[in-house]
N, C-alpha and C. Protein backbone atom coordinates (compact mmCIF):
# COMPACT_ATOMS: atom_id res chain seq x y z
N MET A 1 11.22 -6.65 7.28
CA MET A 1 12.30 -5.79 6.84
C MET A 1 13.02 -5.24 8.07
N PRO A 2 14.32 -5.32 8.08
CA PRO A 2 15.07 -4.81 9.22
C PRO A 2 15.01 -3.28 9.30
N PRO A 3 15.04 -2.75 10.52
CA PRO A 3 14.91 -1.30 10.71
C PRO A 3 15.90 -0.46 9.90
N THR A 4 17.14 -0.85 9.84
CA THR A 4 18.09 -0.02 9.09
C THR A 4 17.76 0.00 7.61
N PHE A 5 17.25 -1.11 7.07
CA PHE A 5 16.90 -1.16 5.66
C PHE A 5 15.78 -0.18 5.34
N THR A 6 14.73 -0.15 6.15
CA THR A 6 13.59 0.71 5.85
C THR A 6 13.97 2.19 5.95
N ARG A 7 14.82 2.52 6.90
CA ARG A 7 15.26 3.92 7.01
C ARG A 7 16.05 4.34 5.78
N PHE A 8 16.99 3.48 5.34
CA PHE A 8 17.78 3.80 4.14
C PHE A 8 16.92 3.80 2.89
N LEU A 9 15.94 2.90 2.82
CA LEU A 9 15.03 2.87 1.67
C LEU A 9 14.26 4.18 1.60
N ALA A 10 13.72 4.64 2.70
CA ALA A 10 12.98 5.90 2.72
C ALA A 10 13.87 7.06 2.31
N GLU A 11 15.10 7.10 2.81
CA GLU A 11 16.03 8.18 2.45
C GLU A 11 16.35 8.16 0.96
N ARG A 12 16.58 6.96 0.42
CA ARG A 12 16.91 6.86 -1.01
C ARG A 12 15.73 7.27 -1.88
N LEU A 13 14.53 6.77 -1.53
CA LEU A 13 13.35 7.13 -2.31
C LEU A 13 13.05 8.61 -2.22
N ASN A 14 13.31 9.22 -1.08
CA ASN A 14 13.09 10.65 -0.92
C ASN A 14 13.97 11.46 -1.88
N LYS A 15 15.17 10.98 -2.13
CA LYS A 15 16.07 11.67 -3.07
C LYS A 15 15.62 11.51 -4.52
N GLU A 16 14.95 10.39 -4.82
CA GLU A 16 14.54 10.08 -6.19
C GLU A 16 13.14 10.57 -6.54
N CYS A 17 12.31 10.80 -5.53
CA CYS A 17 10.89 11.07 -5.72
C CYS A 17 10.58 12.56 -5.64
N LYS A 18 9.53 12.98 -6.33
CA LYS A 18 9.05 14.36 -6.20
C LYS A 18 8.22 14.53 -4.94
N LEU A 19 7.70 13.42 -4.41
CA LEU A 19 6.92 13.47 -3.17
C LEU A 19 7.85 13.27 -1.98
N LEU A 20 7.44 13.78 -0.83
CA LEU A 20 8.21 13.59 0.39
C LEU A 20 8.07 12.14 0.84
N VAL A 21 9.18 11.44 1.02
CA VAL A 21 9.18 10.04 1.45
C VAL A 21 9.96 9.96 2.75
N ARG A 22 9.35 9.28 3.74
CA ARG A 22 10.09 9.06 4.98
C ARG A 22 9.52 7.85 5.71
N GLU A 23 10.30 7.38 6.66
CA GLU A 23 9.87 6.26 7.49
C GLU A 23 8.81 6.78 8.46
N VAL A 24 7.76 6.01 8.66
CA VAL A 24 6.63 6.46 9.47
C VAL A 24 6.97 6.47 10.97
N SER A 25 6.40 7.45 11.66
CA SER A 25 6.44 7.51 13.12
C SER A 25 5.01 7.40 13.61
N ASP A 26 4.81 6.74 14.73
CA ASP A 26 3.47 6.54 15.28
C ASP A 26 2.78 7.88 15.53
N GLY A 27 1.54 7.97 15.08
CA GLY A 27 0.72 9.15 15.34
C GLY A 27 0.78 10.23 14.29
N GLU A 28 1.58 10.05 13.24
CA GLU A 28 1.65 11.07 12.19
C GLU A 28 0.31 11.16 11.46
N MET A 29 -0.01 12.37 11.03
CA MET A 29 -1.24 12.61 10.29
C MET A 29 -1.06 12.21 8.83
N VAL A 30 -2.07 11.59 8.24
CA VAL A 30 -2.06 11.30 6.81
C VAL A 30 -2.25 12.61 6.08
N GLN A 31 -1.37 12.88 5.10
CA GLN A 31 -1.42 14.12 4.35
C GLN A 31 -1.19 13.84 2.87
N PRO A 32 -1.86 14.59 2.00
CA PRO A 32 -1.64 14.39 0.56
C PRO A 32 -0.19 14.69 0.19
N GLY A 33 0.29 14.01 -0.82
CA GLY A 33 1.64 14.27 -1.33
C GLY A 33 2.75 13.71 -0.48
N ARG A 34 2.43 12.82 0.44
CA ARG A 34 3.43 12.21 1.31
C ARG A 34 3.44 10.70 1.10
N VAL A 35 4.62 10.13 1.25
CA VAL A 35 4.79 8.68 1.15
C VAL A 35 5.47 8.22 2.43
N TRP A 36 4.89 7.22 3.07
CA TRP A 36 5.46 6.69 4.31
C TRP A 36 5.87 5.25 4.10
N ILE A 37 7.07 4.92 4.53
CA ILE A 37 7.58 3.56 4.52
C ILE A 37 7.40 3.00 5.92
N ALA A 38 6.84 1.80 6.01
CA ALA A 38 6.68 1.16 7.32
C ALA A 38 8.06 0.94 7.93
N ALA A 39 8.20 1.25 9.19
CA ALA A 39 9.47 1.04 9.89
C ALA A 39 9.71 -0.46 10.05
N GLY A 40 10.94 -0.87 9.92
CA GLY A 40 11.29 -2.27 10.08
C GLY A 40 10.87 -2.80 11.43
N ASP A 41 10.29 -4.00 11.44
CA ASP A 41 9.84 -4.71 12.62
C ASP A 41 8.60 -4.09 13.27
N PHE A 42 7.90 -3.19 12.55
CA PHE A 42 6.67 -2.58 13.04
C PHE A 42 5.58 -2.70 11.99
N HIS A 43 4.38 -3.17 12.39
CA HIS A 43 3.23 -3.09 11.51
C HIS A 43 2.81 -1.63 11.40
N ARG A 44 2.21 -1.31 10.28
CA ARG A 44 1.68 0.05 10.09
C ARG A 44 0.19 -0.07 9.81
N THR A 45 -0.60 0.78 10.45
CA THR A 45 -2.04 0.83 10.20
C THR A 45 -2.47 2.29 10.07
N VAL A 46 -3.70 2.47 9.63
CA VAL A 46 -4.30 3.79 9.50
C VAL A 46 -5.55 3.79 10.36
N GLU A 47 -5.77 4.88 11.07
CA GLU A 47 -6.89 4.97 12.00
C GLU A 47 -7.55 6.34 11.83
N ARG A 48 -8.88 6.35 11.71
CA ARG A 48 -9.60 7.62 11.59
C ARG A 48 -10.34 7.89 12.88
N ARG A 49 -10.18 9.11 13.37
CA ARG A 49 -10.92 9.59 14.54
C ARG A 49 -11.48 10.95 14.17
N GLY A 50 -12.79 10.99 13.99
CA GLY A 50 -13.41 12.24 13.55
C GLY A 50 -12.92 12.59 12.17
N LEU A 51 -12.36 13.78 12.02
CA LEU A 51 -11.85 14.24 10.72
C LEU A 51 -10.37 13.94 10.53
N GLU A 52 -9.73 13.40 11.55
CA GLU A 52 -8.29 13.13 11.48
C GLU A 52 -8.01 11.68 11.13
N THR A 53 -7.04 11.50 10.25
CA THR A 53 -6.57 10.15 9.93
C THR A 53 -5.10 10.09 10.30
N LYS A 54 -4.78 9.12 11.16
CA LYS A 54 -3.41 9.01 11.66
C LYS A 54 -2.80 7.67 11.28
N LEU A 55 -1.48 7.69 11.16
CA LEU A 55 -0.70 6.47 10.95
C LEU A 55 -0.32 5.91 12.31
N ARG A 56 -0.46 4.63 12.47
CA ARG A 56 -0.12 3.97 13.71
C ARG A 56 0.92 2.89 13.44
N THR A 57 1.76 2.64 14.41
CA THR A 57 2.72 1.55 14.33
C THR A 57 2.54 0.66 15.55
N SER A 58 2.83 -0.62 15.38
CA SER A 58 2.73 -1.55 16.50
C SER A 58 3.66 -2.73 16.26
N GLN A 59 3.94 -3.43 17.30
CA GLN A 59 4.74 -4.65 17.18
C GLN A 59 3.89 -5.87 17.49
N GLY A 60 2.66 -5.87 16.94
CA GLY A 60 1.79 -7.03 17.07
C GLY A 60 2.46 -8.25 16.46
N SER A 61 1.85 -9.39 16.67
CA SER A 61 2.41 -10.66 16.16
C SER A 61 2.64 -10.59 14.65
N PRO A 62 3.73 -11.18 14.18
CA PRO A 62 3.96 -11.24 12.74
C PRO A 62 2.81 -11.96 12.03
N GLU A 63 2.50 -11.54 10.82
CA GLU A 63 1.53 -12.23 9.97
C GLU A 63 2.27 -12.65 8.71
N ASN A 64 2.01 -13.86 8.26
CA ASN A 64 2.71 -14.41 7.10
C ASN A 64 4.21 -14.37 7.33
N SER A 65 4.62 -14.54 8.57
CA SER A 65 6.03 -14.46 8.98
C SER A 65 6.62 -13.08 8.72
N CYS A 66 5.77 -12.05 8.67
CA CYS A 66 6.23 -10.70 8.35
C CYS A 66 5.81 -9.70 9.41
N ARG A 67 6.71 -8.78 9.69
CA ARG A 67 6.40 -7.58 10.47
C ARG A 67 7.41 -6.54 10.01
N PRO A 68 6.98 -5.61 9.19
CA PRO A 68 5.61 -5.25 8.88
C PRO A 68 4.96 -6.21 7.87
N SER A 69 3.65 -6.32 7.98
CA SER A 69 2.86 -7.12 7.05
C SER A 69 1.91 -6.20 6.29
N VAL A 70 1.88 -6.35 4.98
CA VAL A 70 0.97 -5.53 4.19
C VAL A 70 -0.48 -5.95 4.42
N ASP A 71 -0.73 -7.20 4.83
CA ASP A 71 -2.10 -7.60 5.16
C ASP A 71 -2.65 -6.75 6.30
N VAL A 72 -1.84 -6.49 7.30
CA VAL A 72 -2.25 -5.66 8.44
C VAL A 72 -2.60 -4.25 7.94
N LEU A 73 -1.74 -3.68 7.11
CA LEU A 73 -1.99 -2.35 6.56
C LEU A 73 -3.24 -2.33 5.70
N PHE A 74 -3.36 -3.28 4.77
CA PHE A 74 -4.51 -3.27 3.86
C PHE A 74 -5.84 -3.43 4.59
N ARG A 75 -5.89 -4.24 5.63
CA ARG A 75 -7.13 -4.36 6.40
C ARG A 75 -7.53 -3.01 6.99
N SER A 76 -6.56 -2.30 7.53
CA SER A 76 -6.88 -1.02 8.17
C SER A 76 -7.29 0.04 7.14
N VAL A 77 -6.60 0.12 6.03
CA VAL A 77 -6.97 1.14 5.04
C VAL A 77 -8.29 0.80 4.37
N ALA A 78 -8.63 -0.48 4.25
CA ALA A 78 -9.93 -0.88 3.70
C ALA A 78 -11.04 -0.38 4.61
N ARG A 79 -10.85 -0.48 5.93
CA ARG A 79 -11.86 0.01 6.88
C ARG A 79 -12.00 1.53 6.79
N VAL A 80 -10.90 2.23 6.63
CA VAL A 80 -10.93 3.69 6.63
C VAL A 80 -11.38 4.27 5.30
N TYR A 81 -10.86 3.75 4.18
CA TYR A 81 -11.11 4.37 2.87
C TYR A 81 -12.11 3.64 2.00
N GLY A 82 -12.43 2.38 2.29
CA GLY A 82 -13.45 1.64 1.55
C GLY A 82 -13.26 1.68 0.05
N ALA A 83 -14.32 2.10 -0.66
CA ALA A 83 -14.31 2.10 -2.12
C ALA A 83 -13.32 3.10 -2.71
N GLY A 84 -12.83 4.04 -1.91
CA GLY A 84 -11.87 5.02 -2.40
C GLY A 84 -10.43 4.55 -2.39
N LEU A 85 -10.21 3.29 -2.02
CA LEU A 85 -8.86 2.76 -1.86
C LEU A 85 -8.31 2.15 -3.14
N LEU A 86 -7.07 2.49 -3.45
CA LEU A 86 -6.32 1.85 -4.53
C LEU A 86 -5.10 1.19 -3.90
N ALA A 87 -5.06 -0.13 -3.92
CA ALA A 87 -3.95 -0.90 -3.35
C ALA A 87 -3.09 -1.42 -4.49
N VAL A 88 -1.78 -1.38 -4.31
CA VAL A 88 -0.84 -1.86 -5.33
C VAL A 88 0.08 -2.88 -4.67
N VAL A 89 0.16 -4.08 -5.26
CA VAL A 89 1.03 -5.13 -4.74
C VAL A 89 2.14 -5.35 -5.75
N MET A 90 3.38 -5.15 -5.28
CA MET A 90 4.54 -5.28 -6.14
C MET A 90 5.43 -6.42 -5.67
N THR A 91 6.48 -6.65 -6.40
CA THR A 91 7.38 -7.78 -6.18
C THR A 91 7.65 -8.06 -4.71
N GLY A 92 7.65 -9.33 -4.36
CA GLY A 92 7.92 -9.74 -2.98
C GLY A 92 7.65 -11.21 -2.80
N MET A 93 8.29 -11.77 -1.77
CA MET A 93 8.16 -13.21 -1.50
C MET A 93 6.91 -13.51 -0.70
N GLY A 94 6.39 -14.71 -0.88
CA GLY A 94 5.29 -15.21 -0.07
C GLY A 94 3.94 -14.68 -0.50
N GLN A 95 2.97 -14.87 0.39
CA GLN A 95 1.61 -14.47 0.05
C GLN A 95 1.10 -13.31 0.90
N ASP A 96 1.99 -12.59 1.58
CA ASP A 96 1.57 -11.40 2.30
C ASP A 96 0.90 -10.46 1.31
N GLY A 97 -0.26 -9.96 1.65
CA GLY A 97 -1.02 -9.09 0.76
C GLY A 97 -2.29 -9.76 0.25
N LEU A 98 -2.30 -11.08 0.17
CA LEU A 98 -3.46 -11.80 -0.36
C LEU A 98 -4.71 -11.54 0.48
N ARG A 99 -4.65 -11.78 1.77
CA ARG A 99 -5.83 -11.59 2.64
C ARG A 99 -6.20 -10.11 2.73
N GLY A 100 -5.22 -9.25 2.76
CA GLY A 100 -5.49 -7.82 2.79
C GLY A 100 -6.19 -7.35 1.53
N CYS A 101 -5.80 -7.90 0.38
CA CYS A 101 -6.45 -7.53 -0.88
C CYS A 101 -7.89 -8.04 -0.92
N GLU A 102 -8.15 -9.17 -0.27
CA GLU A 102 -9.54 -9.63 -0.16
C GLU A 102 -10.36 -8.59 0.60
N CYS A 103 -9.80 -8.03 1.66
CA CYS A 103 -10.49 -6.98 2.42
C CYS A 103 -10.70 -5.72 1.59
N VAL A 104 -9.69 -5.36 0.82
CA VAL A 104 -9.78 -4.19 -0.05
C VAL A 104 -10.94 -4.36 -1.03
N ARG A 105 -11.00 -5.51 -1.69
CA ARG A 105 -12.06 -5.77 -2.66
C ARG A 105 -13.43 -5.84 -2.00
N GLU A 106 -13.53 -6.47 -0.82
CA GLU A 106 -14.80 -6.54 -0.09
C GLU A 106 -15.30 -5.15 0.28
N ALA A 107 -14.38 -4.22 0.52
CA ALA A 107 -14.75 -2.84 0.87
C ALA A 107 -15.06 -2.00 -0.37
N GLY A 108 -14.91 -2.58 -1.56
CA GLY A 108 -15.18 -1.86 -2.79
C GLY A 108 -13.97 -1.19 -3.41
N GLY A 109 -12.79 -1.39 -2.82
CA GLY A 109 -11.56 -0.79 -3.34
C GLY A 109 -11.02 -1.54 -4.54
N THR A 110 -9.96 -0.99 -5.11
CA THR A 110 -9.34 -1.52 -6.32
C THR A 110 -7.94 -2.02 -6.01
N VAL A 111 -7.53 -3.10 -6.68
CA VAL A 111 -6.20 -3.69 -6.50
C VAL A 111 -5.50 -3.76 -7.85
N LEU A 112 -4.25 -3.33 -7.87
CA LEU A 112 -3.37 -3.52 -9.02
C LEU A 112 -2.22 -4.42 -8.57
N ALA A 113 -1.69 -5.21 -9.48
CA ALA A 113 -0.55 -6.07 -9.15
C ALA A 113 0.50 -5.98 -10.25
N GLN A 114 1.74 -6.14 -9.85
CA GLN A 114 2.86 -6.15 -10.79
C GLN A 114 2.87 -7.49 -11.52
N ASP A 115 3.24 -7.46 -12.80
CA ASP A 115 3.26 -8.69 -13.58
C ASP A 115 4.50 -9.54 -13.28
N GLU A 116 4.44 -10.79 -13.68
CA GLU A 116 5.52 -11.73 -13.40
C GLU A 116 6.81 -11.35 -14.10
N ALA A 117 6.71 -10.92 -15.35
CA ALA A 117 7.91 -10.64 -16.14
C ALA A 117 8.77 -9.53 -15.54
N SER A 118 8.15 -8.53 -14.93
CA SER A 118 8.94 -7.42 -14.38
C SER A 118 9.22 -7.56 -12.88
N SER A 119 8.70 -8.60 -12.25
CA SER A 119 8.92 -8.82 -10.82
C SER A 119 10.21 -9.57 -10.58
N VAL A 120 10.93 -9.16 -9.55
CA VAL A 120 12.11 -9.92 -9.13
C VAL A 120 11.64 -11.24 -8.53
N VAL A 121 10.59 -11.17 -7.71
CA VAL A 121 9.95 -12.34 -7.11
C VAL A 121 8.46 -12.14 -7.28
N TRP A 122 7.77 -13.09 -7.92
CA TRP A 122 6.35 -12.91 -8.21
C TRP A 122 5.47 -13.58 -7.17
N GLY A 123 5.96 -13.71 -5.95
CA GLY A 123 5.16 -14.33 -4.90
C GLY A 123 3.95 -13.50 -4.53
N MET A 124 4.17 -12.35 -3.94
CA MET A 124 3.07 -11.52 -3.45
C MET A 124 2.11 -11.12 -4.58
N PRO A 125 2.60 -10.49 -5.65
CA PRO A 125 1.65 -10.11 -6.70
C PRO A 125 1.07 -11.33 -7.40
N GLY A 126 1.81 -12.43 -7.48
CA GLY A 126 1.32 -13.64 -8.12
C GLY A 126 0.14 -14.24 -7.38
N PHE A 127 0.23 -14.32 -6.05
CA PHE A 127 -0.89 -14.84 -5.27
C PHE A 127 -2.13 -13.97 -5.46
N VAL A 128 -1.95 -12.67 -5.46
CA VAL A 128 -3.07 -11.73 -5.61
C VAL A 128 -3.67 -11.86 -7.02
N ALA A 129 -2.82 -11.89 -8.03
CA ALA A 129 -3.31 -12.01 -9.42
C ALA A 129 -4.00 -13.35 -9.64
N ASN A 130 -3.40 -14.42 -9.18
CA ASN A 130 -3.98 -15.75 -9.39
C ASN A 130 -5.29 -15.96 -8.63
N ALA A 131 -5.50 -15.19 -7.58
CA ALA A 131 -6.76 -15.27 -6.83
C ALA A 131 -7.86 -14.43 -7.49
N GLY A 132 -7.51 -13.72 -8.56
CA GLY A 132 -8.49 -12.89 -9.25
C GLY A 132 -8.81 -11.59 -8.53
N LEU A 133 -7.95 -11.15 -7.65
CA LEU A 133 -8.21 -9.95 -6.87
C LEU A 133 -7.72 -8.67 -7.54
N ALA A 134 -6.80 -8.80 -8.50
CA ALA A 134 -6.24 -7.61 -9.16
C ALA A 134 -7.10 -7.22 -10.35
N GLU A 135 -7.50 -5.97 -10.39
CA GLU A 135 -8.25 -5.47 -11.54
C GLU A 135 -7.35 -5.44 -12.77
N ARG A 136 -6.08 -5.10 -12.55
CA ARG A 136 -5.09 -5.10 -13.65
C ARG A 136 -3.78 -5.64 -13.12
N VAL A 137 -3.06 -6.36 -13.98
CA VAL A 137 -1.72 -6.86 -13.69
C VAL A 137 -0.82 -6.18 -14.71
N LEU A 138 0.11 -5.36 -14.21
CA LEU A 138 0.88 -4.46 -15.07
C LEU A 138 2.37 -4.63 -14.88
N PRO A 139 3.14 -4.33 -15.95
CA PRO A 139 4.59 -4.29 -15.78
C PRO A 139 4.99 -3.09 -14.91
N LEU A 140 6.12 -3.21 -14.26
CA LEU A 140 6.59 -2.18 -13.35
C LEU A 140 6.56 -0.78 -13.98
N ASP A 141 6.99 -0.66 -15.23
CA ASP A 141 7.09 0.65 -15.84
C ASP A 141 5.74 1.27 -16.20
N GLU A 142 4.64 0.55 -16.00
CA GLU A 142 3.31 1.11 -16.25
C GLU A 142 2.52 1.38 -14.97
N ILE A 143 3.00 0.89 -13.84
CA ILE A 143 2.24 1.01 -12.60
C ILE A 143 2.11 2.48 -12.16
N GLY A 144 3.19 3.23 -12.20
CA GLY A 144 3.15 4.63 -11.76
C GLY A 144 2.14 5.45 -12.54
N MET A 145 2.15 5.32 -13.85
CA MET A 145 1.20 6.08 -14.68
C MET A 145 -0.23 5.64 -14.45
N GLU A 146 -0.44 4.36 -14.18
CA GLU A 146 -1.79 3.87 -13.90
C GLU A 146 -2.29 4.45 -12.57
N VAL A 147 -1.43 4.53 -11.59
CA VAL A 147 -1.82 5.13 -10.31
C VAL A 147 -2.16 6.60 -10.51
N VAL A 148 -1.31 7.33 -11.23
CA VAL A 148 -1.56 8.75 -11.50
C VAL A 148 -2.88 8.93 -12.25
N ARG A 149 -3.14 8.10 -13.25
CA ARG A 149 -4.37 8.19 -14.03
C ARG A 149 -5.59 7.99 -13.14
N ARG A 150 -5.54 6.99 -12.28
CA ARG A 150 -6.68 6.70 -11.42
C ARG A 150 -6.89 7.78 -10.36
N VAL A 151 -5.82 8.29 -9.79
CA VAL A 151 -5.95 9.34 -8.78
C VAL A 151 -6.51 10.60 -9.42
N ALA A 152 -6.00 10.96 -10.60
CA ALA A 152 -6.50 12.15 -11.30
C ALA A 152 -7.97 11.96 -11.65
N GLY A 153 -8.36 10.78 -12.11
CA GLY A 153 -9.76 10.50 -12.44
C GLY A 153 -10.65 10.59 -11.23
N ALA A 154 -10.17 10.11 -10.09
CA ALA A 154 -10.96 10.19 -8.85
C ALA A 154 -11.15 11.63 -8.42
N ARG A 155 -10.13 12.45 -8.59
CA ARG A 155 -10.25 13.87 -8.21
C ARG A 155 -11.26 14.58 -9.09
N VAL A 156 -11.25 14.30 -10.39
CA VAL A 156 -12.22 14.91 -11.30
C VAL A 156 -13.63 14.48 -10.92
N ALA A 157 -13.82 13.20 -10.64
CA ALA A 157 -15.13 12.69 -10.24
C ALA A 157 -15.62 13.36 -8.94
N MET A 158 -14.70 13.57 -8.00
CA MET A 158 -15.07 14.22 -6.74
C MET A 158 -15.53 15.66 -6.98
N ARG A 159 -14.84 16.36 -7.87
CA ARG A 159 -15.21 17.75 -8.17
C ARG A 159 -16.58 17.83 -8.82
N ARG A 160 -16.90 16.82 -9.62
CA ARG A 160 -18.21 16.79 -10.31
C ARG A 160 -19.31 16.29 -9.40
N GLY A 161 -18.93 15.78 -8.23
CA GLY A 161 -19.93 15.27 -7.30
C GLY A 161 -20.40 13.86 -7.63
N ALA A 162 -19.61 13.15 -8.45
CA ALA A 162 -20.00 11.79 -8.86
C ALA A 162 -19.67 10.79 -7.79
């Protein structure tokens, strides 16, 4: 994704969303209620040091002809969050996300994918769904509520000590 596109995407989503949305800067702290868009031409990763979790950016080699690549991101979040991770793969070309979702599942995390009917391009979610990595394949208009349901359920479980 080109840099100007990601900046404008973050600005537009910030106007539409109840959560704060912005393009990521290297070294920012992960915080609840925030959404970060990977900057164009930069991979994004998550790194934990002690009690701090930071967002990192790099211009490492493209993966799947992509930079940013969601495989790079998913590998890093699988290492940091393990079974507590919920990954969502939505419309997009190619198979970026497939290898990262394998890492998410190996770490005990959960994967959701957008269905073919509601996808503009069913490449990314299609590869993930066809590989059997998605726990659920959902239409676009159901993904948000499914994420909210799972996050709320995880919070209740944490409070109960489960």
